[in-house]
Amino acid sequence: MLEKTTRVNYLFDFYQSLLTPKQRNYMELYYLEDYSLGEISETFDVSRQAVYDNIRRTETMLEEYENKLNLYEKFQKRQQVIKEMETEVEKRQLESPFKEWLDQLQELE
């Protein structure tokens, strides 16, 4: 479950601008603020089932966006390359400019 939550949080981070305000609100409350379906339904005065359906549809949409755009997959690959570069820089005790470049790459993520 934690792995799914982490994945959805990343997908939401990458693709939230493609969602409607209602979808963003539900996802933020459910995944980021840890609201229950009941709490969200009370907040928006809708049924618990409506909230559940909206969240599941939104999760599906996020996965479809990822299948087409691969932003999360590319992010993961960049993170792996950066870690490998850091390991080599430390192993070889390299300093400037390599360490500075790695720091800049990390800041971009």
Protein backbone atom coordinates (compact mmCIF):
# COMPACT_ATOMS: atom_id res chain seq x y z
CA MET A 1 0.00 0.00 0.00
CA LEU A 2 2.83 2.41 0.85
CA GLU A 3 4.41 1.77 -2.55
CA LYS A 4 1.12 2.57 -4.30
CA THR A 5 0.66 5.72 -2.22
CA THR A 6 4.19 6.86 -3.03
CA ARG A 7 3.64 6.23 -6.73
CA VAL A 8 0.31 8.06 -6.78
CA ASN A 9 1.87 10.99 -4.91
CA TYR A 10 4.62 11.27 -7.52
CA LEU A 11 2.17 10.94 -10.40
CA PHE A 12 -0.03 13.57 -8.79
CA ASP A 13 2.97 15.85 -8.41
CA PHE A 14 3.87 15.49 -12.09
CA TYR A 15 0.38 15.63 -13.60
CA GLN A 16 -1.82 17.61 -11.20
CA SER A 17 -2.04 20.56 -13.58
CA LEU A 18 -3.91 18.27 -15.99
CA LEU A 19 -6.64 17.53 -13.43
CA THR A 20 -9.80 19.46 -12.64
CA PRO A 21 -9.92 21.48 -9.41
CA LYS A 22 -12.28 18.91 -7.86
CA GLN A 23 -9.95 16.04 -8.75
CA ARG A 24 -6.99 17.95 -7.31
CA ASN A 25 -8.89 18.70 -4.10
CA TYR A 26 -9.95 15.09 -3.55
CA MET A 27 -6.47 13.73 -4.30
CA GLU A 28 -4.74 16.30 -2.08
CA LEU A 29 -7.04 15.56 0.82
CA TYR A 30 -6.92 11.79 0.41
CA TYR A 31 -3.24 11.25 -0.41
CA LEU A 32 -1.45 14.28 1.01
CA GLU A 33 -3.59 15.26 4.00
CA ASP A 34 -4.62 11.67 4.84
CA TYR A 35 -8.35 12.45 5.01
CA SER A 36 -10.72 9.50 4.99
CA LEU A 37 -13.34 9.10 2.27
CA GLY A 38 -15.98 10.01 4.85
CA GLU A 39 -14.19 13.21 5.84
CA ILE A 40 -13.87 14.27 2.22
CA SER A 41 -17.52 13.47 1.53
CA GLU A 42 -18.57 15.61 4.51
CA THR A 43 -16.31 18.47 3.41
CA PHE A 44 -17.81 18.56 -0.09
CA ASP A 45 -21.32 17.41 0.86
CA VAL A 46 -21.29 14.43 -1.50
CA SER A 47 -21.60 10.70 -0.93
CA ARG A 48 -18.65 8.62 0.17
CA GLN A 49 -19.13 6.53 -2.98
CA ALA A 50 -18.86 9.64 -5.17
CA VAL A 51 -15.53 10.51 -3.54
CA TYR A 52 -14.28 6.93 -3.92
CA ASP A 53 -15.28 6.81 -7.60
CA ASN A 54 -13.67 10.17 -8.32
CA ILE A 55 -10.40 9.17 -6.65
CA ARG A 56 -10.26 5.82 -8.51
CA ARG A 57 -10.99 7.51 -11.86
CA THR A 58 -8.32 10.11 -11.15
CA GLU A 59 -5.77 7.42 -10.27
CA THR A 60 -6.55 5.75 -13.60
CA MET A 61 -6.11 9.06 -15.42
CA LEU A 62 -2.75 9.64 -13.72
CA GLU A 63 -1.57 6.19 -14.80
CA GLU A 64 -2.72 6.91 -18.38
CA TYR A 65 -0.79 10.19 -18.39
CA GLU A 66 2.29 8.36 -17.14
CA ASN A 67 1.91 5.68 -19.83
CA LYS A 68 1.94 8.40 -22.47
CA LEU A 69 4.43 10.90 -21.05
CA ASN A 70 6.67 8.80 -18.77
CA LEU A 71 7.65 11.73 -16.54
CA TYR A 72 7.87 9.60 -13.40
CA GLU A 73 9.85 6.86 -15.13
CA LYS A 74 12.32 9.43 -16.49
CA PHE A 75 12.57 11.02 -13.05
CA GLN A 76 13.44 7.65 -11.50
CA LYS A 77 16.10 6.99 -14.14
CA ARG A 78 17.63 10.44 -13.60
CA GLN A 79 17.72 9.82 -9.85
CA GLN A 80 19.53 6.51 -10.41
CA VAL A 81 22.11 8.10 -12.72
CA ILE A 82 22.71 10.89 -10.22
CA LYS A 83 23.28 8.34 -7.44
CA GLU A 84 25.74 6.45 -9.61
CA MET A 85 27.55 9.68 -10.43
CA GLU A 86 27.70 10.62 -6.74
CA THR A 87 29.18 7.24 -5.91
CA GLU A 88 31.89 7.67 -8.54
CA VAL A 89 32.66 11.23 -7.44
CA GLU A 90 33.06 10.06 -3.82
CA LYS A 91 35.03 6.95 -4.78
CA ARG A 92 37.46 8.95 -6.88
CA GLN A 93 37.41 11.86 -4.44
CA LEU A 94 36.62 14.32 -7.20
CA GLU A 95 35.78 17.86 -6.27
CA SER A 96 35.09 20.88 -8.45
CA PRO A 97 33.42 21.07 -10.86
CA PHE A 98 31.93 17.58 -10.58
CA LYS A 99 30.53 18.00 -7.09
CA GLU A 100 28.99 21.36 -8.02
CA TRP A 101 27.38 19.87 -11.12
CA LEU A 102 25.88 17.06 -9.09
CA ASP A 103 24.52 19.56 -6.57
CA GLN A 104 22.93 21.52 -9.42
CA LEU A 105 21.37 18.36 -10.83
CA GLN A 106 19.90 17.48 -7.43
CA GLU A 107 18.40 20.96 -7.10
CA LEU A 108 16.61 20.52 -10.45
CA GLU A 109 14.79 17.44 -9.19
